[in-house]
């Protein structure tokens, strides 16, 4: 594998710092000078370098993250749409509605009322209306992951993946075989949001080391129950509920002592949320 020049690897670490700044200031409209200072770049060149390593502009990163958080807020809370719009950085409900519809295909109120793009209903309430999933029991290979830990609501882990993406690009670590993996230790229905533990990761090529500040995590080979989900990440929790409440008790299997994982199969920056594909991986004994 060809190593990237040291300067580009340094650029990746600095862009990662700018992304971390964005994550630490979710309610603020970022100014070019602040982001450039966080990355120690001249404002004249920051945008070009950021786009080179992130695959999108800072404004696109912010909009994608905020709209995903808005989708989660619409599904998981009763916060008024106007307050969700304000938290997402929009000056009016009309502007928020236009942006949300363009991204998710539905206006915010309809998205909430419908329960998402592809809502999951409890099987016991009305079996004919239940969205069923294909679950496959299969081996999962051992992986060496470069990870960034995350503590807090699972819906905010996207920022860690964005940082990892910049680091992977700057160190020439992403290949056609790269797997982007999320690790999730806790149940968001029982653990306070601020205490939820997770990690964003990507699989390392053989012999490669994780780029700082990412660290190495070894995931052993195991058997998993794999549920394929197509749709926004904000809607994954309903699929987890179905997997644990409906599939697992009827399967005759028991979960192993390892966190649940998510394998993200396509690029959320290049596709609308309705096309995002995720494998939920439940480790089994």
Protein backbone atom coordinates (compact mmCIF):
# COMPACT_ATOMS: atom_id res chain seq x y z
CA UNK A 1 0.00 0.00 0.00
CA UNK A 2 1.31 3.45 -0.92
CA UNK A 3 1.72 5.73 2.05
CA UNK A 4 0.30 9.21 1.84
CA UNK A 5 2.79 12.04 2.33
CA UNK A 6 3.29 13.13 5.95
CA UNK A 7 1.79 16.54 5.14
CA UNK A 8 -1.51 14.99 4.03
CA UNK A 9 -1.62 12.83 7.15
CA UNK A 10 -1.11 15.99 9.21
CA UNK A 11 -3.90 17.71 7.25
CA UNK A 12 -6.20 14.80 8.13
CA UNK A 13 -5.55 15.23 11.86
CA UNK A 14 -6.21 18.95 11.58
CA UNK A 15 -9.45 18.50 9.64
CA UNK A 16 -10.48 15.96 12.28
CA UNK A 17 -9.98 18.70 14.89
CA UNK A 18 -12.30 21.01 12.92
CA UNK A 19 -14.92 18.25 12.83
CA UNK A 20 -14.53 17.76 16.58
CA UNK A 21 -15.11 21.51 16.99
CA UNK A 22 -18.35 21.20 15.01
CA UNK A 23 -19.49 18.33 17.22
CA UNK A 24 -18.68 20.28 20.38
CA UNK A 25 -20.74 23.31 19.25
CA UNK A 26 -23.94 21.78 17.83
CA UNK A 27 -26.08 24.85 18.39
CA UNK A 28 -23.76 27.40 16.82
CA UNK A 29 -23.53 28.49 13.22
CA UNK A 30 -19.83 27.86 12.49
CA UNK A 31 -17.77 30.74 11.15
CA UNK A 32 -15.02 30.08 8.63
CA UNK A 33 -12.44 31.71 10.88
CA UNK A 34 -13.34 29.48 13.85
CA UNK A 35 -13.15 26.26 11.84
CA UNK A 36 -9.91 27.30 10.16
CA UNK A 37 -8.40 28.19 13.54
CA UNK A 38 -9.44 24.81 15.00
CA UNK A 39 -7.60 23.12 12.12
CA UNK A 40 -4.69 25.61 12.14
CA UNK A 41 -5.26 26.46 8.47
CA UNK A 42 -5.48 29.77 6.69
CA UNK A 43 -9.15 30.67 6.06
CA UNK A 44 -8.19 31.12 2.40
CA UNK A 45 -7.41 27.41 2.01
CA UNK A 46 -9.46 25.68 4.69
CA UNK A 47 -12.51 24.88 2.56
CA UNK A 48 -10.50 23.23 -0.22
CA UNK A 49 -8.53 21.04 2.20
CA UNK A 50 -11.64 20.13 4.18
CA UNK A 51 -13.52 19.10 1.03
CA UNK A 52 -10.53 17.06 -0.17
CA UNK A 53 -10.51 14.95 2.99
CA UNK A 54 -14.19 14.99 4.01
CA UNK A 55 -15.73 14.53 0.58
CA UNK A 56 -18.12 17.42 1.28
CA UNK A 57 -18.07 21.01 2.46
CA UNK A 58 -18.35 22.01 6.13
CA UNK A 59 -21.84 23.35 5.42
CA UNK A 60 -22.87 19.99 3.96
CA UNK A 61 -21.47 18.16 6.99
CA UNK A 62 -23.40 20.41 9.36
CA UNK A 63 -26.65 20.16 7.39
CA UNK A 64 -26.48 16.35 7.14
CA UNK A 65 -25.77 15.93 10.85
CA UNK A 66 -28.41 18.42 11.96
CA UNK A 67 -31.15 16.99 9.73
CA UNK A 68 -30.38 13.48 10.99
CA UNK A 69 -30.66 14.72 14.58
CA UNK A 70 -33.88 16.49 13.66
CA UNK A 71 -35.30 13.24 12.29
CA UNK A 72 -34.43 11.50 15.57
CA UNK A 73 -36.05 14.30 17.59
CA UNK A 74 -39.22 14.07 15.54
CA UNK A 75 -39.47 10.32 16.12
CA UNK A 76 -38.34 10.09 19.73
CA UNK A 77 -39.80 13.21 21.34
CA UNK A 78 -42.83 15.46 21.31
CA UNK A 79 -40.75 18.58 20.81
CA UNK A 80 -42.71 21.00 18.61
CA UNK A 81 -41.59 21.17 14.99
CA UNK A 82 -40.68 24.84 15.42
CA UNK A 83 -38.31 23.97 18.29
CA UNK A 84 -36.79 21.09 16.28
CA UNK A 85 -36.25 23.53 13.39
CA UNK A 86 -34.53 26.04 15.69
CA UNK A 87 -32.28 23.35 17.19
CA UNK A 88 -31.32 22.30 13.67
CA UNK A 89 -30.17 25.84 12.91
CA UNK A 90 -33.06 26.99 10.73
CA UNK A 91 -34.50 30.46 11.10
CA UNK A 92 -38.02 29.44 10.14
CA UNK A 93 -40.21 26.36 10.02
CA UNK A 94 -40.68 26.94 6.28
CA UNK A 95 -36.94 26.77 5.59
CA UNK A 96 -36.59 23.70 7.80
CA UNK A 97 -39.51 22.01 6.07
CA UNK A 98 -37.98 22.58 2.63
CA UNK A 99 -34.61 21.20 3.68
CA UNK A 100 -36.12 18.24 5.54
CA UNK A 101 -38.41 17.31 2.66
CA UNK A 102 -35.51 17.49 0.21
CA UNK A 103 -33.48 15.10 2.38
CA UNK A 104 -36.13 12.69 3.68
CA UNK A 105 -38.88 12.91 1.07
CA UNK A 106 -41.51 13.98 3.62
CA UNK A 107 -42.21 17.23 5.49
CA UNK A 108 -41.33 17.05 9.21
CA UNK A 109 -44.90 16.78 10.51
CA UNK A 110 -45.75 13.95 8.10
CA UNK A 111 -42.49 12.17 8.94
CA UNK A 112 -43.41 12.26 12.64
CA UNK A 113 -47.03 11.24 12.05
CA UNK A 114 -46.04 8.30 9.85
CA UNK A 115 -43.31 7.17 12.25
CA UNK A 116 -40.53 7.58 9.71
CA UNK A 117 -40.06 6.61 6.09
CA UNK A 118 -40.64 2.90 6.78
CA UNK A 119 -42.26 2.61 10.21
CA UNK A 120 -41.96 -0.57 12.26
CA UNK A 121 -45.16 -1.49 14.12
CA UNK A 122 -45.42 -3.98 16.99
CA UNK A 123 -46.24 -7.44 15.69
CA UNK A 124 -48.76 -8.12 18.42
CA UNK A 125 -50.85 -5.03 17.69
CA UNK A 126 -51.64 -5.87 14.10
CA UNK A 127 -49.64 -8.61 12.38
CA UNK A 128 -50.88 -7.57 8.95
CA UNK A 129 -49.32 -4.11 9.33
CA UNK A 130 -46.03 -5.27 10.84
CA UNK A 131 -42.85 -4.61 8.94
CA UNK A 132 -40.92 -7.86 8.93
CA UNK A 133 -37.17 -8.22 8.52
CA UNK A 134 -34.96 -10.92 7.15
CA UNK A 135 -32.61 -12.13 9.88
CA UNK A 136 -29.67 -14.31 8.89
CA UNK A 137 -27.49 -16.24 11.33
CA UNK A 138 -23.99 -16.13 9.92
CA UNK A 139 -20.31 -15.99 10.85
CA UNK A 140 -18.73 -12.57 11.30
CA UNK A 141 -14.97 -12.42 10.69
CA UNK A 142 -12.42 -11.10 13.14
CA UNK A 143 -11.65 -7.42 12.56
CA UNK A 144 -8.97 -4.96 13.55
CA UNK A 145 -10.77 -1.65 13.92
CA UNK A 146 -9.52 1.91 14.18
CA UNK A 147 -12.03 3.45 16.59
CA UNK A 148 -13.00 6.75 18.16
CA UNK A 149 -15.03 6.35 21.36
CA UNK A 150 -18.28 8.22 21.83
CA UNK A 151 -20.31 8.87 24.96
CA UNK A 152 -23.77 10.35 24.71
CA UNK A 153 -26.85 9.89 22.54
CA UNK A 154 -26.30 7.34 19.79
CA UNK A 155 -27.85 9.78 17.31
CA UNK A 156 -24.78 12.04 17.68
CA UNK A 157 -22.15 9.43 16.77
CA UNK A 158 -22.17 10.61 13.14
CA UNK A 159 -19.58 13.24 14.06
CA UNK A 160 -17.11 10.52 15.12
CA UNK A 161 -17.58 8.74 11.79
CA UNK A 162 -16.96 11.99 9.92
CA UNK A 163 -13.71 12.45 11.85
CA UNK A 164 -12.67 8.88 11.08
CA UNK A 165 -13.43 9.40 7.41
CA UNK A 166 -11.02 12.32 7.25
CA UNK A 167 -8.33 10.34 9.08
CA UNK A 168 -8.79 7.31 6.80
CA UNK A 169 -8.54 9.48 3.69
CA UNK A 170 -5.46 11.31 4.90
CA UNK A 171 -3.67 8.06 5.71
CA UNK A 172 -4.78 6.10 2.61
CA UNK A 173 -6.41 3.46 4.81
CA UNK A 174 -9.75 3.05 3.05
CA UNK A 175 -9.95 0.28 0.45
CA UNK A 176 -12.73 -1.62 -1.30
CA UNK A 177 -12.68 -4.10 1.60
CA UNK A 178 -13.05 -1.47 4.34
CA UNK A 179 -15.96 -2.08 6.71
CA UNK A 180 -17.44 0.86 8.63
CA UNK A 181 -18.61 -0.43 11.99
CA UNK A 182 -20.43 1.05 14.97
CA UNK A 183 -20.19 -0.61 18.40
CA UNK A 184 -23.04 -0.07 20.88
CA UNK A 185 -22.81 -1.24 24.50
CA UNK A 186 -25.98 0.06 26.12
CA UNK A 187 -29.77 0.03 25.76
CA UNK A 188 -30.95 3.59 25.02
CA UNK A 189 -34.33 2.75 26.55
CA UNK A 190 -32.83 2.10 30.00
CA UNK A 191 -29.50 3.97 30.16
CA UNK A 192 -29.54 7.79 30.39
CA UNK A 193 -28.63 9.35 27.04
CA UNK A 194 -25.58 11.12 28.45
CA UNK A 195 -24.16 7.79 29.68
CA UNK A 196 -24.58 5.72 26.53
CA UNK A 197 -21.32 4.13 25.38
CA UNK A 198 -20.48 3.54 21.74
CA UNK A 199 -17.60 3.73 19.29
CA UNK A 200 -17.21 4.53 15.60
CA UNK A 201 -14.76 2.35 13.71
CA UNK A 202 -13.43 1.16 10.39
CA UNK A 203 -11.54 -2.02 9.58
CA UNK A 204 -7.81 -1.63 9.07
CA UNK A 205 -5.88 -3.21 6.20
CA UNK A 206 -3.51 -5.97 7.25
CA UNK A 207 -0.45 -4.58 9.01
CA UNK A 208 -1.84 -1.02 9.26
CA UNK A 209 -2.04 0.90 12.52
CA UNK A 210 -4.85 3.26 13.52
CA UNK A 211 -4.25 6.94 12.79
CA UNK A 212 -4.11 9.07 15.95
CA UNK A 213 -6.24 9.92 17.82
CA UNK A 214 -8.05 6.70 16.82
CA UNK A 215 -7.07 3.58 18.75
CA UNK A 216 -7.03 -0.13 17.95
CA UNK A 217 -9.89 -2.46 18.90
CA UNK A 218 -9.78 -6.15 18.06
CA UNK A 219 -13.18 -7.70 17.35
CA UNK A 220 -13.08 -11.52 17.52
CA UNK A 221 -14.68 -13.82 14.98
CA UNK A 222 -18.19 -14.69 16.13
CA UNK A 223 -21.64 -15.82 15.08
CA UNK A 224 -24.17 -13.03 14.61
CA UNK A 225 -27.82 -12.55 13.81
CA UNK A 226 -27.79 -10.02 10.97
CA UNK A 227 -30.82 -7.82 10.30
CA UNK A 228 -30.63 -5.69 7.17
CA UNK A 229 -32.29 -2.28 7.49
CA UNK A 230 -32.85 0.22 4.70
CA UNK A 231 -33.64 3.76 5.74
CA UNK A 232 -32.48 6.64 7.97
CA UNK A 233 -30.24 5.87 10.92
CA UNK A 234 -32.77 7.66 13.14
CA UNK A 235 -35.18 4.76 12.52
CA UNK A 236 -32.79 1.96 13.50
CA UNK A 237 -33.97 1.81 17.11
CA UNK A 238 -37.37 0.44 16.05
CA UNK A 239 -35.60 -2.36 14.18
CA UNK A 240 -33.57 -3.16 17.32
CA UNK A 241 -36.81 -3.37 19.30
CA UNK A 242 -38.26 -5.83 16.78
CA UNK A 243 -35.07 -7.88 16.79
CA UNK A 244 -34.88 -8.20 20.59
CA UNK A 245 -38.61 -8.42 21.34
CA UNK A 246 -39.89 -10.51 18.44
CA UNK A 247 -37.07 -12.41 16.77
CA UNK A 248 -34.71 -13.26 19.63
CA UNK A 249 -37.22 -14.97 21.98
CA UNK A 250 -38.53 -17.09 19.10
CA UNK A 251 -35.10 -17.99 17.73
CA UNK A 252 -33.96 -20.22 20.58
CA UNK A 253 -30.64 -18.35 20.63
CA UNK A 254 -28.96 -16.27 23.35
CA UNK A 255 -26.93 -13.11 22.88
CA UNK A 256 -23.18 -13.25 23.50
CA UNK A 257 -21.25 -10.97 25.85
CA UNK A 258 -20.23 -8.51 23.15
CA UNK A 259 -21.76 -5.18 22.13
CA UNK A 260 -24.19 -5.02 19.26
CA UNK A 261 -22.65 -3.76 16.04
CA UNK A 262 -23.82 -1.90 12.96
CA UNK A 263 -22.20 -2.36 9.56
CA UNK A 264 -22.88 0.60 7.27
CA UNK A 265 -23.00 -0.67 3.71
CA UNK A 266 -23.11 2.55 1.68
CA UNK A 267 -22.10 6.21 1.85
CA UNK A 268 -24.60 8.45 3.62
CA UNK A 269 -22.96 11.49 2.01
CA UNK A 270 -23.75 10.28 -1.51
CA UNK A 271 -27.30 8.92 -1.05
CA UNK A 272 -30.59 10.13 0.46
CA UNK A 273 -31.54 8.64 3.84
CA UNK A 274 -34.15 6.37 2.27
CA UNK A 275 -31.30 4.54 0.49
CA UNK A 276 -28.98 4.06 3.47
CA UNK A 277 -28.39 0.36 4.16
CA UNK A 278 -27.27 -0.96 7.56
CA UNK A 279 -26.73 -4.45 8.90
CA UNK A 280 -27.55 -4.69 12.61
CA UNK A 281 -25.30 -7.45 13.99
CA UNK A 282 -26.40 -9.14 17.20
CA UNK A 283 -23.59 -11.38 18.57
CA UNK A 284 -24.81 -14.83 19.57
CA UNK A 285 -23.48 -17.53 21.89
